Amino acid sequence: MCIGLPMRIETVLGSSGRCRHGGETHLVDLALVPEAVAGDHVLVFLGAARRRLDADEAARIAEALAGLAAAFAGTGDAAALDAAFADLAGRAPALPPHLEAARAAGLKEA
C-alpha cells in the first residue's frame, strides 16, 4: 500500500527539495509542483511531491497517519481514533460525485 506523507519543504534545490517529515529529512522530487517554495507543505508519494497542502490539511493528514499507527500497534482507543479521523467520525460515507451519478442513474432505470 502506498501512503502519501505530508512534508514541509525546507529548501528548494532546482526541481528537488529537502523536506521534513517528523524528525527526518528527505530529498523529494518537486517536478509536479513547480510553484512550491520553502515553507510550503506538500503531499509526497514514493519520493515525489504530488500537490501542495495548506498547513491545516497537512496537520489533519499527520493526525490520521498517527491514528493508523496507533490502531496497527493496538494502542489507540475509540476516542483517540475518532480524534485522529475527526473529518470522518460521525458522518456517513459519501460516494465520489461520478459514482453517485452512476448510482442515481441506475436507480432511475430500475
N, C-alpha and C. Protein backbone atom coordinates (compact mmCIF):
# COMPACT_ATOMS: atom_id res chain seq x y z
N MET A 1 0.86 -1.18 0.00
CA MET A 1 0.00 0.00 0.00
C MET A 1 0.90 1.23 0.00
N CYS A 2 0.54 2.21 -0.76
CA CYS A 2 1.27 3.46 -0.84
C CYS A 2 0.49 4.53 -0.08
N ILE A 3 1.15 5.16 0.86
CA ILE A 3 0.50 6.21 1.64
C ILE A 3 1.26 7.50 1.43
N GLY A 4 0.54 8.57 1.14
CA GLY A 4 1.15 9.88 0.99
C GLY A 4 1.48 10.47 2.34
N LEU A 5 2.65 11.08 2.43
CA LEU A 5 3.08 11.71 3.68
C LEU A 5 3.12 13.21 3.51
N PRO A 6 2.59 13.96 4.47
CA PRO A 6 2.72 15.41 4.41
C PRO A 6 4.13 15.80 4.84
N MET A 7 4.77 16.62 4.05
CA MET A 7 6.12 17.08 4.38
C MET A 7 6.18 18.59 4.18
N ARG A 8 7.10 19.21 4.91
CA ARG A 8 7.31 20.65 4.76
C ARG A 8 8.64 20.87 4.06
N ILE A 9 8.61 21.69 3.03
CA ILE A 9 9.83 21.97 2.25
C ILE A 9 10.72 22.91 3.06
N GLU A 10 11.97 22.47 3.26
CA GLU A 10 12.94 23.31 3.96
C GLU A 10 13.74 24.16 2.97
N THR A 11 14.20 23.53 1.89
CA THR A 11 14.94 24.25 0.85
C THR A 11 14.60 23.66 -0.51
N VAL A 12 14.60 24.50 -1.53
CA VAL A 12 14.38 24.06 -2.91
C VAL A 12 15.73 24.03 -3.60
N LEU A 13 15.99 22.91 -4.28
CA LEU A 13 17.25 22.71 -4.99
C LEU A 13 16.93 22.34 -6.43
N GLY A 14 16.64 23.33 -7.27
CA GLY A 14 16.23 23.06 -8.64
C GLY A 14 14.84 22.45 -8.64
N SER A 15 14.73 21.24 -9.22
CA SER A 15 13.42 20.58 -9.25
C SER A 15 13.26 19.59 -8.09
N SER A 16 14.13 19.68 -7.11
CA SER A 16 14.04 18.86 -5.90
C SER A 16 13.99 19.76 -4.69
N GLY A 17 13.70 19.16 -3.56
CA GLY A 17 13.69 19.93 -2.33
C GLY A 17 14.02 19.06 -1.14
N ARG A 18 14.62 19.67 -0.15
CA ARG A 18 14.83 18.99 1.13
C ARG A 18 13.57 19.22 1.94
N CYS A 19 12.92 18.11 2.30
CA CYS A 19 11.65 18.18 3.00
C CYS A 19 11.73 17.43 4.32
N ARG A 20 10.96 17.90 5.30
CA ARG A 20 10.96 17.28 6.62
C ARG A 20 9.62 16.62 6.90
N HIS A 21 9.73 15.41 7.42
CA HIS A 21 8.57 14.67 7.93
C HIS A 21 8.99 14.11 9.28
N GLY A 22 8.34 14.59 10.34
CA GLY A 22 8.76 14.17 11.67
C GLY A 22 10.17 14.64 11.91
N GLY A 23 11.01 13.76 12.36
CA GLY A 23 12.40 14.13 12.63
C GLY A 23 13.34 13.80 11.49
N GLU A 24 12.80 13.42 10.34
CA GLU A 24 13.63 13.00 9.23
C GLU A 24 13.58 14.00 8.08
N THR A 25 14.70 14.10 7.35
CA THR A 25 14.77 14.94 6.16
C THR A 25 14.88 14.04 4.94
N HIS A 26 14.14 14.40 3.89
CA HIS A 26 14.11 13.61 2.66
C HIS A 26 14.36 14.52 1.46
N LEU A 27 15.03 13.98 0.45
CA LEU A 27 15.15 14.68 -0.82
C LEU A 27 13.95 14.27 -1.66
N VAL A 28 13.15 15.25 -2.06
CA VAL A 28 11.87 15.00 -2.74
C VAL A 28 11.87 15.64 -4.11
N ASP A 29 11.35 14.93 -5.10
CA ASP A 29 11.18 15.45 -6.45
C ASP A 29 10.00 16.42 -6.44
N LEU A 30 10.22 17.67 -6.84
CA LEU A 30 9.19 18.71 -6.86
C LEU A 30 8.70 19.03 -8.27
N ALA A 31 9.04 18.19 -9.25
CA ALA A 31 8.70 18.49 -10.65
C ALA A 31 7.21 18.68 -10.88
N LEU A 32 6.36 17.97 -10.12
CA LEU A 32 4.90 18.08 -10.32
C LEU A 32 4.30 19.29 -9.60
N VAL A 33 5.08 19.94 -8.76
CA VAL A 33 4.61 21.14 -8.06
C VAL A 33 5.67 22.25 -8.19
N PRO A 34 5.90 22.71 -9.41
CA PRO A 34 6.97 23.69 -9.63
C PRO A 34 6.76 25.02 -8.91
N GLU A 35 5.51 25.29 -8.49
CA GLU A 35 5.23 26.54 -7.78
C GLU A 35 5.58 26.46 -6.29
N ALA A 36 5.95 25.28 -5.81
CA ALA A 36 6.25 25.10 -4.38
C ALA A 36 7.54 25.82 -4.00
N VAL A 37 7.51 26.40 -2.80
CA VAL A 37 8.66 27.14 -2.28
C VAL A 37 8.95 26.66 -0.86
N ALA A 38 10.11 27.05 -0.36
CA ALA A 38 10.47 26.70 1.02
C ALA A 38 9.38 27.20 1.96
N GLY A 39 9.01 26.34 2.91
CA GLY A 39 7.94 26.65 3.86
C GLY A 39 6.61 26.03 3.49
N ASP A 40 6.43 25.67 2.22
CA ASP A 40 5.19 25.02 1.79
C ASP A 40 5.12 23.59 2.32
N HIS A 41 3.90 23.11 2.48
CA HIS A 41 3.65 21.71 2.78
C HIS A 41 3.26 21.03 1.48
N VAL A 42 3.76 19.81 1.29
CA VAL A 42 3.42 19.03 0.10
C VAL A 42 3.06 17.61 0.52
N LEU A 43 2.24 16.96 -0.32
CA LEU A 43 1.89 15.56 -0.11
C LEU A 43 2.83 14.73 -0.97
N VAL A 44 3.59 13.82 -0.35
CA VAL A 44 4.65 13.08 -1.01
C VAL A 44 4.31 11.60 -1.09
N PHE A 45 4.37 11.05 -2.31
CA PHE A 45 4.23 9.62 -2.57
C PHE A 45 5.50 9.14 -3.24
N LEU A 46 6.10 8.10 -2.70
CA LEU A 46 7.24 7.45 -3.34
C LEU A 46 8.32 8.45 -3.77
N GLY A 47 8.62 9.41 -2.92
CA GLY A 47 9.71 10.35 -3.19
C GLY A 47 9.38 11.52 -4.08
N ALA A 48 8.11 11.67 -4.48
CA ALA A 48 7.72 12.78 -5.35
C ALA A 48 6.53 13.52 -4.75
N ALA A 49 6.64 14.84 -4.70
CA ALA A 49 5.53 15.66 -4.24
C ALA A 49 4.44 15.66 -5.30
N ARG A 50 3.20 15.42 -4.88
CA ARG A 50 2.08 15.35 -5.83
C ARG A 50 1.27 16.63 -5.86
N ARG A 51 1.14 17.29 -4.68
CA ARG A 51 0.41 18.56 -4.64
C ARG A 51 0.76 19.31 -3.37
N ARG A 52 0.51 20.61 -3.41
CA ARG A 52 0.71 21.45 -2.23
C ARG A 52 -0.45 21.27 -1.27
N LEU A 53 -0.19 21.45 0.02
CA LEU A 53 -1.19 21.36 1.07
C LEU A 53 -1.14 22.65 1.89
N ASP A 54 -2.29 23.05 2.45
CA ASP A 54 -2.20 24.13 3.43
C ASP A 54 -1.82 23.48 4.77
N ALA A 55 -1.40 24.28 5.72
CA ALA A 55 -0.90 23.77 7.00
C ALA A 55 -1.97 22.95 7.73
N ASP A 56 -3.23 23.37 7.64
CA ASP A 56 -4.32 22.66 8.32
C ASP A 56 -4.51 21.26 7.73
N GLU A 57 -4.52 21.15 6.41
CA GLU A 57 -4.69 19.85 5.77
C GLU A 57 -3.50 18.94 6.07
N ALA A 58 -2.29 19.50 6.07
CA ALA A 58 -1.10 18.71 6.40
C ALA A 58 -1.21 18.16 7.82
N ALA A 59 -1.70 18.98 8.75
CA ALA A 59 -1.87 18.54 10.14
C ALA A 59 -2.93 17.44 10.25
N ARG A 60 -4.04 17.58 9.51
CA ARG A 60 -5.09 16.54 9.55
C ARG A 60 -4.59 15.21 9.00
N ILE A 61 -3.80 15.27 7.94
CA ILE A 61 -3.23 14.04 7.38
C ILE A 61 -2.27 13.41 8.38
N ALA A 62 -1.42 14.22 9.01
CA ALA A 62 -0.48 13.70 10.01
C ALA A 62 -1.23 13.07 11.18
N GLU A 63 -2.33 13.68 11.62
CA GLU A 63 -3.13 13.11 12.71
C GLU A 63 -3.74 11.78 12.29
N ALA A 64 -4.24 11.68 11.08
CA ALA A 64 -4.81 10.43 10.59
C ALA A 64 -3.75 9.34 10.51
N LEU A 65 -2.55 9.68 10.05
CA LEU A 65 -1.47 8.70 9.98
C LEU A 65 -1.07 8.24 11.37
N ALA A 66 -1.05 9.15 12.34
CA ALA A 66 -0.75 8.77 13.73
C ALA A 66 -1.85 7.85 14.26
N GLY A 67 -3.10 8.12 13.90
CA GLY A 67 -4.21 7.25 14.30
C GLY A 67 -4.07 5.86 13.72
N LEU A 68 -3.68 5.77 12.44
CA LEU A 68 -3.45 4.47 11.82
C LEU A 68 -2.33 3.71 12.53
N ALA A 69 -1.25 4.41 12.83
CA ALA A 69 -0.13 3.77 13.52
C ALA A 69 -0.57 3.24 14.88
N ALA A 70 -1.37 4.02 15.61
CA ALA A 70 -1.87 3.58 16.91
C ALA A 70 -2.78 2.36 16.76
N ALA A 71 -3.64 2.37 15.74
CA ALA A 71 -4.54 1.24 15.52
C ALA A 71 -3.74 -0.02 15.18
N PHE A 72 -2.74 0.10 14.32
CA PHE A 72 -1.92 -1.06 13.95
C PHE A 72 -1.15 -1.59 15.15
N ALA A 73 -0.72 -0.68 16.05
CA ALA A 73 0.03 -1.09 17.23
C ALA A 73 -0.89 -1.58 18.35
N GLY A 74 -2.20 -1.37 18.19
CA GLY A 74 -3.14 -1.79 19.21
C GLY A 74 -3.17 -0.87 20.41
N THR A 75 -2.73 0.37 20.23
CA THR A 75 -2.66 1.30 21.36
C THR A 75 -3.72 2.38 21.32
N GLY A 76 -4.50 2.46 20.25
CA GLY A 76 -5.50 3.52 20.12
C GLY A 76 -6.85 3.07 20.64
N ASP A 77 -7.50 3.90 21.46
CA ASP A 77 -8.87 3.59 21.87
C ASP A 77 -9.83 4.31 20.93
N ALA A 78 -11.13 4.06 21.09
CA ALA A 78 -12.13 4.63 20.18
C ALA A 78 -12.09 6.14 20.15
N ALA A 79 -11.93 6.79 21.30
CA ALA A 79 -11.90 8.25 21.35
C ALA A 79 -10.68 8.80 20.61
N ALA A 80 -9.53 8.13 20.77
CA ALA A 80 -8.32 8.58 20.08
C ALA A 80 -8.47 8.42 18.58
N LEU A 81 -9.09 7.32 18.15
CA LEU A 81 -9.29 7.12 16.71
C LEU A 81 -10.28 8.13 16.15
N ASP A 82 -11.36 8.41 16.89
CA ASP A 82 -12.30 9.44 16.44
C ASP A 82 -11.61 10.79 16.30
N ALA A 83 -10.72 11.11 17.24
CA ALA A 83 -9.98 12.38 17.16
C ALA A 83 -9.05 12.40 15.96
N ALA A 84 -8.40 11.26 15.68
CA ALA A 84 -7.47 11.19 14.55
C ALA A 84 -8.18 11.32 13.22
N PHE A 85 -9.44 10.88 13.19
CA PHE A 85 -10.22 10.93 11.95
C PHE A 85 -11.45 11.83 12.15
N ALA A 86 -11.23 13.00 12.74
CA ALA A 86 -12.34 13.90 13.09
C ALA A 86 -13.18 14.28 11.88
N ASP A 87 -12.55 14.37 10.70
CA ASP A 87 -13.31 14.74 9.50
C ASP A 87 -14.21 13.61 9.00
N LEU A 88 -14.04 12.40 9.52
CA LEU A 88 -14.85 11.25 9.11
C LEU A 88 -15.81 10.78 10.19
N ALA A 89 -15.44 11.00 11.44
CA ALA A 89 -16.24 10.49 12.56
C ALA A 89 -17.61 11.17 12.58
N GLY A 90 -18.62 10.37 12.83
CA GLY A 90 -19.97 10.91 12.99
C GLY A 90 -20.70 11.24 11.70
N ARG A 91 -20.20 10.77 10.57
CA ARG A 91 -20.93 11.02 9.32
C ARG A 91 -20.91 9.77 8.46
N ALA A 92 -21.92 9.65 7.65
CA ALA A 92 -22.00 8.52 6.74
C ALA A 92 -21.02 8.72 5.59
N PRO A 93 -20.41 7.66 5.09
CA PRO A 93 -19.51 7.81 3.95
C PRO A 93 -20.28 8.27 2.71
N ALA A 94 -19.62 9.05 1.89
CA ALA A 94 -20.24 9.56 0.66
C ALA A 94 -19.46 9.03 -0.55
N LEU A 95 -20.19 8.75 -1.61
CA LEU A 95 -19.55 8.34 -2.85
C LEU A 95 -18.98 9.57 -3.56
N PRO A 96 -17.89 9.39 -4.31
CA PRO A 96 -17.42 10.48 -5.16
C PRO A 96 -18.52 10.85 -6.14
N PRO A 97 -18.56 12.10 -6.61
CA PRO A 97 -19.65 12.56 -7.48
C PRO A 97 -19.91 11.67 -8.69
N HIS A 98 -18.86 11.18 -9.36
CA HIS A 98 -19.07 10.35 -10.56
C HIS A 98 -19.73 9.02 -10.21
N LEU A 99 -19.42 8.45 -9.05
CA LEU A 99 -20.06 7.20 -8.65
C LEU A 99 -21.49 7.44 -8.16
N GLU A 100 -21.72 8.56 -7.50
CA GLU A 100 -23.07 8.90 -7.07
C GLU A 100 -23.97 9.10 -8.28
N ALA A 101 -23.46 9.74 -9.33
CA ALA A 101 -24.24 9.94 -10.56
C ALA A 101 -24.57 8.60 -11.21
N ALA A 102 -23.61 7.67 -11.22
CA ALA A 102 -23.85 6.36 -11.81
C ALA A 102 -24.87 5.59 -10.96
N ARG A 103 -24.78 5.69 -9.64
CA ARG A 103 -25.74 5.03 -8.77
C ARG A 103 -27.13 5.60 -8.99
N ALA A 104 -27.24 6.92 -9.06
CA ALA A 104 -28.55 7.57 -9.27
C ALA A 104 -29.13 7.18 -10.63
N ALA A 105 -28.29 7.11 -11.66
CA ALA A 105 -28.78 6.71 -12.98
C ALA A 105 -29.29 5.27 -12.96
N GLY A 106 -28.61 4.40 -12.22
CA GLY A 106 -29.03 3.01 -12.11
C GLY A 106 -30.36 2.88 -11.38
N LEU A 107 -30.59 3.73 -10.38
CA LEU A 107 -31.86 3.69 -9.66
C LEU A 107 -33.02 4.13 -10.53
N LYS A 108 -32.78 5.10 -11.43
CA LYS A 108 -33.83 5.59 -12.32
C LYS A 108 -34.24 4.50 -13.33
N GLU A 109 -33.28 3.68 -13.74
CA GLU A 109 -33.57 2.63 -14.72
C GLU A 109 -34.31 1.46 -14.10
N ALA A 110 -34.14 1.26 -12.80
CA ALA A 110 -34.75 0.08 -12.14
C ALA A 110 -36.24 0.21 -11.95
